[in-house]
Amino acid sequence: MRPMLIGAPAIEPVSLADAKSWLREDGADEDALIQALIVAARMTLESYTRRFFITQSWRLVFDCWPDEVASRAALYIPFAPFEAATAIRVFDANDVAQTLAAASYRAPPSNDGGRIGFASAPPAPGRATDGIEIDFEVGYGALASDVPQPLRHAILVLVAHWREHRGDDGDDALPNAVAQLAAPFRRERLR
């Protein structure tokens, strides 16, 4: 399984204006720095919680179907929150992608990892490598307001911490306040 980001979030969970207000910053001199800190804070907290905040598109590429598809007619997608499977393609021996009909599988949204259930066994790929592509969307939603408020607040606290301590060679751990805000959303294992 090889994951690839194919559509980054269109917005950040915290706007530049919100961050500047939180930081009590009136000028525009540090706008680029603050925006970069917002992106870095989101990505850090997504990694920490093992959840994606704003809707984004991903692709999983497989050489062949995992054993769980044959044994349980289901495929676990270890990304959360899972919104939807948007396409499943199987490449034939001529390297032509055959898109599975949406009626042949079910992929309900889930606050945790996704699960694709197949009505019948999907076709085997005809090429030895990268024979299966599954496109899907994950995230709490497309709007900043879709992201739980404690996670948005954690981003603001982390941005402020990094801005205040830039250049310091201190501890690499998340500040306690940030970890406490994000802890209820943290997935302990990806499965």
Protein backbone atom coordinates (compact mmCIF):
# COMPACT_ATOMS: atom_id res chain seq x y z
CA MET A 1 0.00 0.00 0.00
CA ARG A 2 1.36 3.36 -1.03
CA PRO A 3 -0.54 6.54 -0.06
CA MET A 4 -0.34 9.69 -2.18
CA LEU A 5 -1.88 13.09 -1.51
CA ILE A 6 -3.73 14.11 -4.67
CA GLY A 7 -5.71 17.12 -3.40
CA ALA A 8 -4.43 19.23 -0.52
CA PRO A 9 -6.86 21.10 1.74
CA ALA A 10 -8.29 24.19 0.03
CA ILE A 11 -8.17 26.21 3.26
CA GLU A 12 -6.64 26.00 6.72
CA PRO A 13 -8.71 25.37 9.87
CA VAL A 14 -7.45 28.70 11.23
CA SER A 15 -7.36 31.81 9.05
CA LEU A 16 -4.50 34.28 9.00
CA ALA A 17 -6.86 36.89 10.48
CA ASP A 18 -7.81 34.55 13.36
CA ALA A 19 -4.16 33.80 14.10
CA LYS A 20 -3.18 37.47 13.98
CA SER A 21 -6.02 38.31 16.36
CA TRP A 22 -4.89 35.52 18.73
CA LEU A 23 -1.30 36.80 18.54
CA ARG A 24 -2.41 40.43 18.91
CA GLU A 25 -0.54 41.22 15.69
CA ASP A 26 -1.70 44.29 13.78
CA GLY A 27 1.00 44.68 11.13
CA ALA A 28 1.52 42.70 7.95
CA ASP A 29 5.29 42.24 8.34
CA GLU A 30 4.99 38.68 9.67
CA ASP A 31 2.00 37.50 7.64
CA ALA A 32 4.08 35.00 5.63
CA LEU A 33 5.65 33.59 8.80
CA ILE A 34 2.30 33.30 10.58
CA GLN A 35 0.71 31.60 7.56
CA ALA A 36 3.60 29.12 7.40
CA LEU A 37 3.22 28.43 11.13
CA ILE A 38 -0.51 27.75 10.66
CA VAL A 39 0.22 25.14 7.97
CA ALA A 40 2.99 23.57 10.04
CA ALA A 41 0.79 23.49 13.16
CA ARG A 42 -2.06 21.82 11.25
CA MET A 43 0.25 19.21 9.79
CA THR A 44 1.89 18.58 13.17
CA LEU A 45 -1.47 18.12 14.88
CA GLU A 46 -2.78 15.93 12.06
CA SER A 47 0.25 13.72 12.60
CA TYR A 48 -0.20 13.73 16.38
CA THR A 49 -3.93 12.93 16.27
CA ARG A 50 -3.69 10.70 13.18
CA ARG A 51 -6.66 12.60 11.76
CA PHE A 52 -7.03 14.98 8.85
CA PHE A 53 -8.75 18.26 9.63
CA ILE A 54 -9.91 19.85 6.35
CA THR A 55 -11.20 17.73 3.45
CA GLN A 56 -8.38 16.44 1.28
CA SER A 57 -8.06 13.80 -1.41
CA TRP A 58 -5.77 10.80 -1.19
CA ARG A 59 -4.96 7.79 -3.33
CA LEU A 60 -3.90 4.36 -2.11
CA VAL A 61 -2.01 2.27 -4.63
CA PHE A 62 -1.76 -1.51 -4.27
CA ASP A 63 0.04 -4.13 -6.34
CA CYS A 64 -2.75 -6.62 -5.59
CA TRP A 65 -5.78 -6.83 -3.35
CA PRO A 66 -4.89 -7.34 0.33
CA ASP A 67 -5.90 -10.69 1.89
CA GLU A 68 -8.74 -9.05 3.83
CA VAL A 69 -10.57 -8.36 0.55
CA ALA A 70 -10.63 -12.07 -0.29
CA SER A 71 -11.44 -13.24 3.25
CA ARG A 72 -13.91 -10.55 4.39
CA ALA A 73 -14.85 -8.77 1.13
CA ALA A 74 -13.78 -5.57 2.86
CA LEU A 75 -10.83 -3.19 2.78
CA TYR A 76 -9.85 -1.02 5.72
CA ILE A 77 -8.66 2.52 4.88
CA PRO A 78 -6.46 3.71 7.78
CA PHE A 79 -7.24 7.42 7.30
CA ALA A 80 -9.70 9.37 9.46
CA PRO A 81 -12.21 10.86 9.46
CA PHE A 82 -13.21 9.01 6.31
CA GLU A 83 -15.64 10.89 4.06
CA ALA A 84 -16.03 8.89 0.84
CA ALA A 85 -14.41 6.65 -1.75
CA THR A 86 -14.44 8.65 -4.99
CA ALA A 87 -13.03 6.07 -7.43
CA ILE A 88 -11.61 2.56 -7.50
CA ARG A 89 -9.60 1.62 -10.57
CA VAL A 90 -8.11 -1.76 -11.49
CA PHE A 91 -5.58 -1.86 -14.32
CA ASP A 92 -5.83 -4.69 -16.84
CA ALA A 93 -2.95 -6.43 -18.64
CA ASN A 94 -2.95 -3.65 -21.28
CA ASP A 95 -2.44 -0.96 -18.59
CA VAL A 96 -5.96 0.32 -19.11
CA ALA A 97 -7.79 1.44 -15.98
CA GLN A 98 -11.17 -0.18 -15.39
CA THR A 99 -13.22 1.89 -12.93
CA LEU A 100 -15.38 -0.19 -10.62
CA ALA A 101 -19.05 0.75 -10.62
CA ALA A 102 -20.04 2.56 -7.43
CA ALA A 103 -22.85 0.02 -6.99
CA SER A 104 -20.27 -2.77 -6.59
CA TYR A 105 -18.98 -1.45 -3.27
CA ARG A 106 -20.09 0.50 -0.21
CA ALA A 107 -17.90 3.02 1.62
CA PRO A 108 -19.91 4.83 4.32
CA PRO A 109 -18.47 7.89 6.06
CA SER A 110 -16.85 7.26 9.42
CA ASN A 111 -15.32 9.38 12.17
CA ASP A 112 -12.62 6.76 12.34
CA GLY A 113 -10.88 4.94 9.49
CA GLY A 114 -12.85 4.03 6.42
CA ARG A 115 -14.04 0.67 5.27
CA ILE A 116 -14.93 -0.36 1.76
CA GLY A 117 -17.23 -3.37 1.52
CA PHE A 118 -17.49 -5.16 -1.81
CA ALA A 119 -20.71 -6.79 -3.06
CA SER A 120 -18.59 -9.42 -4.80
CA ALA A 121 -14.90 -10.04 -5.26
CA PRO A 122 -13.35 -7.20 -7.26
CA PRO A 123 -11.36 -8.11 -10.38
CA ALA A 124 -7.69 -8.94 -9.99
CA PRO A 125 -5.27 -6.48 -11.56
CA GLY A 126 -3.63 -7.49 -14.82
CA ARG A 127 -0.29 -5.89 -14.13
CA ALA A 128 2.21 -6.88 -11.46
CA THR A 129 2.82 -3.48 -9.85
CA ASP A 130 0.53 -0.59 -9.01
CA GLY A 131 -2.47 -2.48 -10.36
CA ILE A 132 -5.09 -0.94 -8.06
CA GLU A 133 -5.82 2.72 -7.26
CA ILE A 134 -8.36 3.81 -4.67
CA ASP A 135 -9.17 7.52 -4.46
CA PHE A 136 -10.94 8.83 -1.38
CA GLU A 137 -11.57 11.94 0.70
CA VAL A 138 -10.85 12.39 4.37
CA GLY A 139 -11.33 15.22 6.84
CA TYR A 140 -13.93 16.74 9.11
CA GLY A 141 -15.29 18.84 6.24
CA ALA A 142 -14.47 21.55 3.73
CA LEU A 143 -15.02 24.47 6.10
CA ALA A 144 -12.86 25.64 8.98
CA SER A 145 -15.96 25.53 11.19
CA ASP A 146 -16.26 21.77 10.50
CA VAL A 147 -13.05 21.15 12.48
CA PRO A 148 -13.70 20.64 16.21
CA GLN A 149 -13.02 23.85 18.13
CA PRO A 150 -10.43 22.29 20.50
CA LEU A 151 -8.29 21.34 17.48
CA ARG A 152 -8.57 24.84 16.03
CA HIS A 153 -7.61 26.25 19.42
CA ALA A 154 -4.63 23.85 19.60
CA ILE A 155 -3.40 25.22 16.26
CA LEU A 156 -3.56 28.78 17.62
CA VAL A 157 -1.71 27.83 20.80
CA LEU A 158 0.99 26.01 18.83
CA VAL A 159 1.42 28.92 16.40
CA ALA A 160 1.84 31.29 19.34
CA HIS A 161 4.31 28.94 21.04
CA TRP A 162 6.45 28.55 17.93
CA ARG A 163 6.41 32.28 17.21
CA GLU A 164 7.41 33.10 20.77
CA HIS A 165 10.17 30.48 20.90
CA ARG A 166 11.55 30.66 17.36
CA GLY A 167 15.21 29.90 17.25
CA ASP A 168 15.19 28.23 20.66
CA ASP A 169 16.83 24.83 20.85
CA GLY A 170 14.35 23.56 23.40
CA ASP A 171 12.26 20.46 23.79
CA ASP A 172 10.76 19.10 20.55
CA ALA A 173 7.62 17.82 22.30
CA LEU A 174 4.26 19.49 21.89
CA PRO A 175 3.53 22.03 24.61
CA ASN A 176 1.29 20.55 27.33
CA ALA A 177 -1.63 22.84 26.52
CA VAL A 178 -1.57 21.76 22.87
CA ALA A 179 -1.31 18.05 23.73
CA GLN A 180 -4.21 18.35 26.20
CA LEU A 181 -6.43 20.05 23.64
CA ALA A 182 -5.65 17.44 20.97
CA ALA A 183 -5.61 14.33 23.21
CA PRO A 184 -9.36 13.55 23.01
CA PHE A 185 -9.07 13.35 19.22
CA ARG A 186 -5.94 11.22 19.09
CA ARG A 187 -6.23 7.82 17.47
CA GLU A 188 -3.95 5.48 19.38
CA ARG A 189 -3.22 3.14 16.54
CA LEU A 190 -3.82 3.09 12.83
CA ARG A 191 -4.60 -0.63 12.73
